[in-house]
C-alpha atoms as a PDB file:
ATOM      1  CA  MET A   1      25.973  23.379  -8.297  1.00  0.00           C
ATOM      2  CA  ALA A   2      23.316  21.973  -5.756  1.00  0.00           C
ATOM      3  CA  ARG A   3      22.286  18.320  -5.415  1.00  0.00           C
ATOM      4  CA  MET A   4      18.823  17.659  -4.940  1.00  0.00           C
ATOM      5  CA  LYS A   5      17.840  14.568  -2.414  1.00  0.00           C
ATOM      6  CA  PHE A   6      14.792  13.914  -0.647  1.00  0.00           C
ATOM      7  CA  LEU A   7      15.107  12.220   3.374  1.00  0.00           C
ATOM      8  CA  CYS A   8      12.298  11.573   5.532  1.00  0.00           C
ATOM      9  CA  ASP A   9      12.947  11.608   9.182  1.00  0.00           C
ATOM     10  CA  ALA A  10      10.886   8.581  10.615  1.00  0.00           C
ATOM     11  CA  GLU A  11      11.167   9.695  14.244  1.00  0.00           C
ATOM     12  CA  ARG A  12       8.787  12.572  12.788  1.00  0.00           C
ATOM     13  CA  CYS A  13       6.544  11.447  10.353  1.00  0.00           C
ATOM     14  CA  ILE A  14       2.885  10.882  11.727  1.00  0.00           C
ATOM     15  CA  GLU A  15       1.395   9.226   8.702  1.00  0.00           C
ATOM     16  CA  CYS A  16      -0.961  11.862   7.618  1.00  0.00           C
ATOM     17  CA  ASN A  17      -0.142  11.344   4.058  1.00  0.00           C
ATOM     18  CA  GLY A  18       0.007  15.428   3.581  1.00  0.00           C
ATOM     19  CA  CYS A  19       2.902  14.459   1.343  1.00  0.00           C
ATOM     20  CA  VAL A  20       0.848  12.152  -1.378  1.00  0.00           C
ATOM     21  CA  THR A  21      -2.072  14.193  -1.544  1.00  0.00           C
ATOM     22  CA  ALA A  22       0.209  17.978  -2.147  1.00  0.00           C
ATOM     23  CA  CYS A  23       1.945  15.556  -4.828  1.00  0.00           C
ATOM     24  CA  LYS A  24      -1.220  14.627  -6.718  1.00  0.00           C
ATOM     25  CA  GLN A  25      -3.058  18.373  -6.501  1.00  0.00           C
ATOM     26  CA  GLU A  26       0.253  19.732  -7.476  1.00  0.00           C
ATOM     27  CA  ASN A  27       1.167  17.500 -10.234  1.00  0.00           C
ATOM     28  CA  ASP A  28      -2.204  16.177 -11.624  1.00  0.00           C
ATOM     29  CA  VAL A  29      -0.869  12.531 -11.354  1.00  0.00           C
ATOM     30  CA  PRO A  30      -2.521  10.486 -13.333  1.00  0.00           C
ATOM     31  CA  TRP A  31      -5.269   7.904 -11.658  1.00  0.00           C
ATOM     32  CA  GLY A  32      -3.564   4.538 -10.572  1.00  0.00           C
ATOM     33  CA  VAL A  33      -0.361   6.463 -10.047  1.00  0.00           C
ATOM     34  CA  ASN A  34       1.139   6.967  -6.880  1.00  0.00           C
ATOM     35  CA  ARG A  35       4.462   9.039  -7.261  1.00  0.00           C
ATOM     36  CA  ARG A  36       4.892   9.539  -3.751  1.00  0.00           C
ATOM     37  CA  ARG A  37       3.427   6.763  -0.570  1.00  0.00           C
ATOM     38  CA  VAL A  38       3.725   6.364   3.168  1.00  0.00           C
ATOM     39  CA  VAL A  39       5.013   3.099   3.770  1.00  0.00           C
ATOM     40  CA  THR A  40       4.323   1.696   7.815  1.00  0.00           C
ATOM     41  CA  ILE A  41       6.976  -0.371   9.122  1.00  0.00           C
ATOM     42  CA  ASN A  42       6.488  -2.593  12.236  1.00  0.00           C
ATOM     43  CA  ASP A  43       2.400  -1.679  12.242  1.00  0.00           C
ATOM     44  CA  GLY A  44       0.825  -1.923  15.357  1.00  0.00           C
ATOM     45  CA  VAL A  45       3.430  -3.476  17.513  1.00  0.00           C
ATOM     46  CA  PRO A  46       6.247  -1.636  19.531  1.00  0.00           C
ATOM     47  CA  GLY A  47       8.578   0.310  17.510  1.00  0.00           C
ATOM     48  CA  GLU A  48       6.569   1.677  14.574  1.00  0.00           C
ATOM     49  CA  ARG A  49       7.673   3.617  12.320  1.00  0.00           C
ATOM     50  CA  SER A  50       6.689   5.414   9.010  1.00  0.00           C
ATOM     51  CA  ILE A  51       8.530   6.622   6.135  1.00  0.00           C
ATOM     52  CA  SER A  52       7.207   8.819   3.010  1.00  0.00           C
ATOM     53  CA  VAL A  53       8.879   6.929  -0.119  1.00  0.00           C
ATOM     54  CA  ALA A  54       9.419   8.431  -3.541  1.00  0.00           C
ATOM     55  CA  CYS A  55      12.385   8.765  -6.169  1.00  0.00           C
ATOM     56  CA  MET A  56      15.362   9.140  -4.242  1.00  0.00           C
ATOM     57  CA  HIS A  57      17.181  10.430  -7.124  1.00  0.00           C
ATOM     58  CA  CYS A  58      20.069   8.193  -7.108  1.00  0.00           C
ATOM     59  CA  SER A  59      23.651   9.063  -7.836  1.00  0.00           C
ATOM     60  CA  ASP A  60      23.956   5.537  -9.612  1.00  0.00           C
ATOM     61  CA  ALA A  61      20.550   5.390 -10.181  1.00  0.00           C
ATOM     62  CA  PRO A  62      19.585   1.387 -11.586  1.00  0.00           C
ATOM     63  CA  CYS A  63      16.392   2.565 -13.751  1.00  0.00           C
ATOM     64  CA  MET A  64      19.067   4.291 -15.876  1.00  0.00           C
ATOM     65  CA  ALA A  65      21.060   1.343 -16.422  1.00  0.00           C
ATOM     66  CA  VAL A  66      18.550  -0.812 -17.426  1.00  0.00           C
ATOM     67  CA  CYS A  67      16.448   1.281 -19.594  1.00  0.00           C
ATOM     68  CA  PRO A  68      16.963   0.109 -23.091  1.00  0.00           C
ATOM     69  CA  VAL A  69      15.962   3.612 -24.850  1.00  0.00           C
ATOM     70  CA  ASP A  70      17.732   5.589 -22.733  1.00  0.00           C
ATOM     71  CA  CYS A  71      14.748   7.972 -21.819  1.00  0.00           C
ATOM     72  CA  PHE A  72      16.407   8.839 -18.461  1.00  0.00           C
ATOM     73  CA  TYR A  73      18.526  11.447 -17.783  1.00  0.00           C
ATOM     74  CA  ARG A  74      20.230  13.341 -14.976  1.00  0.00           C
ATOM     75  CA  SER A  75      19.931  17.488 -14.757  1.00  0.00           C
ATOM     76  CA  GLU A  76      22.408  19.757 -13.619  1.00  0.00           C
ATOM     77  CA  GLU A  77      20.725  19.528  -9.984  1.00  0.00           C
ATOM     78  CA  GLY A  78      21.381  15.702  -9.809  1.00  0.00           C
ATOM     79  CA  VAL A  79      17.612  15.047 -10.546  1.00  0.00           C
ATOM     80  CA  VAL A  80      16.884  11.616 -12.391  1.00  0.00           C
ATOM     81  CA  LEU A  81      13.994  12.728 -14.693  1.00  0.00           C
ATOM     82  CA  HIS A  82      13.095  10.811 -17.946  1.00  0.00           C
ATOM     83  CA  ASP A  83      11.489  11.310 -21.307  1.00  0.00           C
ATOM     84  CA  LYS A  84       8.038  10.054 -21.836  1.00  0.00           C
ATOM     85  CA  ASP A  85       8.367  10.243 -25.702  1.00  0.00           C
ATOM     86  CA  LEU A  86      11.206   7.857 -25.647  1.00  0.00           C
ATOM     87  CA  CYS A  87       9.591   5.715 -23.015  1.00  0.00           C
ATOM     88  CA  ILE A  88       8.214   2.074 -24.614  1.00  0.00           C
ATOM     89  CA  GLY A  89       6.959   0.915 -21.312  1.00  0.00           C
ATOM     90  CA  CYS A  90       8.517  -2.281 -21.018  1.00  0.00           C
ATOM     91  CA  GLY A  91       8.726  -2.447 -17.325  1.00  0.00           C
ATOM     92  CA  TYR A  92      12.734  -2.727 -16.945  1.00  0.00           C
ATOM     93  CA  CYS A  93      12.984   0.049 -14.841  1.00  0.00           C
ATOM     94  CA  PHE A  94      10.176  -0.729 -12.364  1.00  0.00           C
ATOM     95  CA  TYR A  95      11.856  -4.059 -11.765  1.00  0.00           C
ATOM     96  CA  ALA A  96      15.348  -2.054 -10.987  1.00  0.00           C
ATOM     97  CA  CYS A  97      13.979   0.394  -8.491  1.00  0.00           C
ATOM     98  CA  PRO A  98      14.194  -0.844  -5.394  1.00  0.00           C
ATOM     99  CA  PHE A  99      11.776   2.134  -3.991  1.00  0.00           C
ATOM    100  CA  GLY A 100       9.345   1.291  -6.138  1.00  0.00           C
ATOM    101  CA  ALA A 101       9.112   4.609  -7.963  1.00  0.00           C
ATOM    102  CA  PRO A 102       8.467   4.143 -11.512  1.00  0.00           C
ATOM    103  CA  GLN A 103       4.651   3.509 -12.119  1.00  0.00           C
ATOM    104  CA  PHE A 104       2.257   2.707 -14.789  1.00  0.00           C
ATOM    105  CA  PRO A 105      -1.221   4.278 -15.223  1.00  0.00           C
ATOM    106  CA  GLN A 106      -2.716   1.230 -16.839  1.00  0.00           C
ATOM    107  CA  LEU A 107      -3.107  -2.508 -15.449  1.00  0.00           C
ATOM    108  CA  GLY A 108      -2.214  -5.583 -17.799  1.00  0.00           C
ATOM    109  CA  ALA A 109       1.418  -6.856 -19.375  1.00  0.00           C
ATOM    110  CA  PHE A 110       4.188  -4.199 -19.456  1.00  0.00           C
ATOM    111  CA  GLY A 111       4.052  -2.683 -23.166  1.00  0.00           C
ATOM    112  CA  VAL A 112       0.372  -2.110 -23.112  1.00  0.00           C
ATOM    113  CA  ARG A 113       0.553  -0.133 -19.569  1.00  0.00           C
ATOM    114  CA  GLY A 114       0.938   2.848 -21.228  1.00  0.00           C
ATOM    115  CA  LYS A 115       4.049   5.625 -20.454  1.00  0.00           C
ATOM    116  CA  MET A 116       6.013   5.174 -17.452  1.00  0.00           C
ATOM    117  CA  ASP A 117       5.311   7.947 -14.670  1.00  0.00           C
ATOM    118  CA  LYS A 118       7.502   8.742 -11.547  1.00  0.00           C
ATOM    119  CA  CYS A 119       8.491  11.626  -8.919  1.00  0.00           C
ATOM    120  CA  THR A 120      10.198  14.572 -10.616  1.00  0.00           C
ATOM    121  CA  PHE A 121      11.443  16.477  -7.944  1.00  0.00           C
ATOM    122  CA  CYS A 122       8.734  19.062  -8.914  1.00  0.00           C
ATOM    123  CA  ALA A 123      11.302  19.776 -12.019  1.00  0.00           C
ATOM    124  CA  GLY A 124       9.165  18.674 -14.828  1.00  0.00           C
ATOM    125  CA  GLY A 125      10.746  17.276 -18.072  1.00  0.00           C
ATOM    126  CA  PRO A 126      12.410  17.610 -21.292  1.00  0.00           C
ATOM    127  CA  GLU A 127      10.034  20.461 -22.488  1.00  0.00           C
ATOM    128  CA  LYS A 128      10.386  23.893 -22.363  1.00  0.00           C
ATOM    129  CA  ASP A 129      10.097  24.971 -18.168  1.00  0.00           C
ATOM    130  CA  ASN A 130       6.386  25.904 -17.202  1.00  0.00           C
ATOM    131  CA  SER A 131       5.134  25.288 -20.404  1.00  0.00           C
ATOM    132  CA  GLU A 132       1.621  23.536 -21.117  1.00  0.00           C
ATOM    133  CA  ALA A 133       3.466  20.021 -22.781  1.00  0.00           C
ATOM    134  CA  GLU A 134       5.478  20.029 -19.823  1.00  0.00           C
ATOM    135  CA  TYR A 135       3.027  20.179 -17.134  1.00  0.00           C
ATOM    136  CA  ARG A 136       0.709  17.351 -18.802  1.00  0.00           C
ATOM    137  CA  LYS A 137       3.148  15.331 -19.197  1.00  0.00           C
ATOM    138  CA  TYR A 138       5.337  15.755 -16.150  1.00  0.00           C
ATOM    139  CA  GLY A 139       3.475  17.903 -13.636  1.00  0.00           C
ATOM    140  CA  ARG A 140       4.539  21.486 -12.406  1.00  0.00           C
ATOM    141  CA  ASN A 141       8.387  22.802 -12.507  1.00  0.00           C
ATOM    142  CA  ARG A 142       8.386  24.077  -9.313  1.00  0.00           C
ATOM    143  CA  LEU A 143      12.182  24.014  -9.107  1.00  0.00           C
ATOM    144  CA  ALA A 144      12.320  26.525 -12.172  1.00  0.00           C
ATOM    145  CA  GLU A 145      10.139  29.082  -9.951  1.00  0.00           C
ATOM    146  CA  GLY A 146      12.621  28.986  -7.541  1.00  0.00           C
ATOM    147  CA  LYS A 147      10.757  26.411  -5.147  1.00  0.00           C
ATOM    148  CA  LEU A 148      11.352  23.287  -3.430  1.00  0.00           C
ATOM    149  CA  PRO A 149       8.766  20.011  -4.165  1.00  0.00           C
ATOM    150  CA  ALA A 150       5.241  20.116  -2.873  1.00  0.00           C
ATOM    151  CA  CYS A 151       5.470  17.504  -0.748  1.00  0.00           C
ATOM    152  CA  ALA A 152       8.190  18.740   1.340  1.00  0.00           C
ATOM    153  CA  GLU A 153       7.004  22.303   1.687  1.00  0.00           C
ATOM    154  CA  MET A 154       3.289  20.544   3.094  1.00  0.00           C
ATOM    155  CA  CYS A 155       4.894  18.299   5.512  1.00  0.00           C
ATOM    156  CA  SER A 156       3.270  19.468   8.683  1.00  0.00           C
ATOM    157  CA  THR A 157       6.236  17.896  10.873  1.00  0.00           C
ATOM    158  CA  LYS A 158       9.118  18.710   8.578  1.00  0.00           C
ATOM    159  CA  ALA A 159       9.706  14.801   8.277  1.00  0.00           C
ATOM    160  CA  LEU A 160      10.224  15.036   4.717  1.00  0.00           C
ATOM    161  CA  LEU A 161      13.219  17.234   3.798  1.00  0.00           C
ATOM    162  CA  GLY A 162      13.566  18.064   0.211  1.00  0.00           C
ATOM    163  CA  GLY A 163      16.502  20.387  -1.242  1.00  0.00           C
ATOM    164  CA  ASP A 164      20.700  20.648  -1.461  1.00  0.00           C
ATOM    165  CA  GLY A 165      22.067  17.190  -0.586  1.00  0.00           C
ATOM    166  CA  ASP A 166      24.360  18.901   2.034  1.00  0.00           C
ATOM    167  CA  VAL A 167      21.865  20.917   3.677  1.00  0.00           C
ATOM    168  CA  ILE A 168      19.222  18.748   4.538  1.00  0.00           C
ATOM    169  CA  ALA A 169      22.199  16.384   5.865  1.00  0.00           C
ATOM    170  CA  GLU A 170      23.174  18.742   8.125  1.00  0.00           C
ATOM    171  CA  ILE A 171      19.342  19.480   9.104  1.00  0.00           C
ATOM    172  CA  TYR A 172      19.082  15.705  10.034  1.00  0.00           C
ATOM    173  CA  ARG A 173      22.466  15.784  11.633  1.00  0.00           C
ATOM    174  CA  GLN A 174      21.665  18.527  14.258  1.00  0.00           C
ATOM    175  CA  ARG A 175      18.025  16.735  15.064  1.00  0.00           C
ATOM    176  CA  VAL A 176      20.134  13.712  15.799  1.00  0.00           C
ATOM    177  CA  THR A 177      22.315  15.117  17.886  1.00  0.00           C
ATOM    178  CA  SER A 178      19.884  17.242  19.753  1.00  0.00           C
ATOM    179  CA  ARG A 179      17.389  14.896  20.529  1.00  0.00           C
ATOM    180  CA  GLY A 180      19.268  12.051  22.298  1.00  0.00           C
ATOM    181  CA  LYS A 181      18.879   8.492  21.923  1.00  0.00           C
ATOM    182  CA  GLY A 182      16.742   5.097  22.818  1.00  0.00           C
ATOM    183  CA  SER A 183      13.373   6.384  24.898  1.00  0.00           C
ATOM    184  CA  GLU A 184      14.557   9.958  24.240  1.00  0.00           C
ATOM    185  CA  VAL A 185      14.048  10.328  20.723  1.00  0.00           C
ATOM    186  CA  TRP A 186      11.480  12.902  19.578  1.00  0.00           C
ATOM    187  CA  GLY A 187       8.968  12.222  21.870  1.00  0.00           C
ATOM    188  CA  TRP A 188       6.659  13.603  24.877  1.00  0.00           C
ATOM    189  CA  GLY A 189      10.122  13.896  26.976  1.00  0.00           C
ATOM    190  CA  THR A 190      11.795  15.706  24.545  1.00  0.00           C
ATOM    191  CA  ALA A 191       8.682  17.460  23.279  1.00  0.00           C
ATOM    192  CA  TYR A 192       7.706  18.743  26.966  1.00  0.00           C
ATOM    193  CA  GLY A 193      11.064  18.267  28.939  1.00  0.00           C
ATOM    194  CA  ARG A 194      11.995  15.836  31.596  1.00  0.00           C
ATOM    195  CA  PRO A 195      10.416  16.306  34.921  1.00  0.00           C
ATOM    196  CA  ASP A 196      14.003  17.126  36.653  1.00  0.00           C
ATOM    197  CA  GLN A 197      14.699  19.749  33.750  1.00  0.00           C
ATOM    198  CA  ARG A 198      11.775  21.902  33.928  1.00  0.00           C
ATOM    199  CA  ALA A 199      12.085  25.331  35.023  1.00  0.00           C
ATOM    200  CA  PRO A 200      11.150  25.518  39.110  1.00  0.00           C
ATOM    201  CA  GLY A 201       7.469  26.335  39.828  1.00  0.00           C
ATOM    202  CA  ALA A 202       6.349  25.312  36.322  1.00  0.00           C
ATOM    203  CA  PRO A 203       3.320  22.461  36.526  1.00  0.00           C
ATOM    204  CA  GLY A 204       4.932  18.893  37.189  1.00  0.00           C
ATOM    205  CA  ALA A 205       8.229  20.492  38.173  1.00  0.00           C
ATOM    206  CA  PRO A 206       9.656  19.103  41.290  1.00  0.00           C
ATOM    207  CA  GLY A 207       8.498  20.906  44.322  1.00  0.00           C
ATOM    208  CA  ALA A 208       5.681  22.916  42.302  1.00  0.00           C
ATOM    209  CA  PRO A 209       2.154  22.318  43.346  1.00  0.00           C
ATOM    210  CA  GLY A 210       0.202  19.191  42.989  1.00  0.00           C
ATOM    211  CA  SER A 211       3.466  17.739  41.868  1.00  0.00           C
ATOM    212  CA  ALA A 212       4.608  14.005  43.428  1.00  0.00           C
ATOM    213  CA  PRO A 213       7.345  14.159  46.258  1.00  0.00           C
ATOM    214  CA  ALA A 214      10.884  13.532  44.743  1.00  0.00           C
ATOM    215  CA  PRO A 215      12.008  10.264  46.136  1.00  0.00           C
ATOM    216  CA  THR A 216      14.668  10.234  48.659  1.00  0.00           C
ATOM    217  CA  GLY A 217      16.108   6.850  47.761  1.00  0.00           C
ATOM    218  CA  GLY A 218      16.142   5.637  51.479  1.00  0.00           C
ATOM    219  CA  LYS A 219      14.108   2.433  52.503  1.00  0.00           C
ATOM    220  CA  SER A 220      10.754   3.110  54.583  1.00  0.00           C
END
């Protein structure tokens, strides 16, 4: 059985927020709730990176451990889901989650904020698959339709990967091993090729018309 996971490749994320918009549109997310958000690290300085963050559907989920009414459960695919009919809005999961995944639709003290809401990996909830009740409470159940989460499918640079954990881990491994390290990590040099690796006669290649002469290494 596949174990569903998310992975965000920080070297590909362009902070377009397409994943955030896709999630809101697909699941009719309540106002004030962000099941997914884009976080920028070292904003405005060299080394700036952006990553898309949501519920990571942990194998040992802390939200499940602290919930006093056991409203959380794990599907056969490893997706951490919750039952809103059991949720009392205590907020324990909010404090326990290191990713800030649990969200509440209203402001105020815990207990009056309403039922907790979070990313469902587009897997719905305990109601019947693709029923009106399921959509109203949890959004669309794309997994029951044989599809992946909308956020991952809509990512223009394929920075956000979602699906079988073994498959996306292999995709990321291939990316890392093929794109070098340091200044060569997925950037202009990799995307367009280094000058000494371009085909002879190609624009910018050594010896091509208009290209700079190759250094000789001797003293002038």
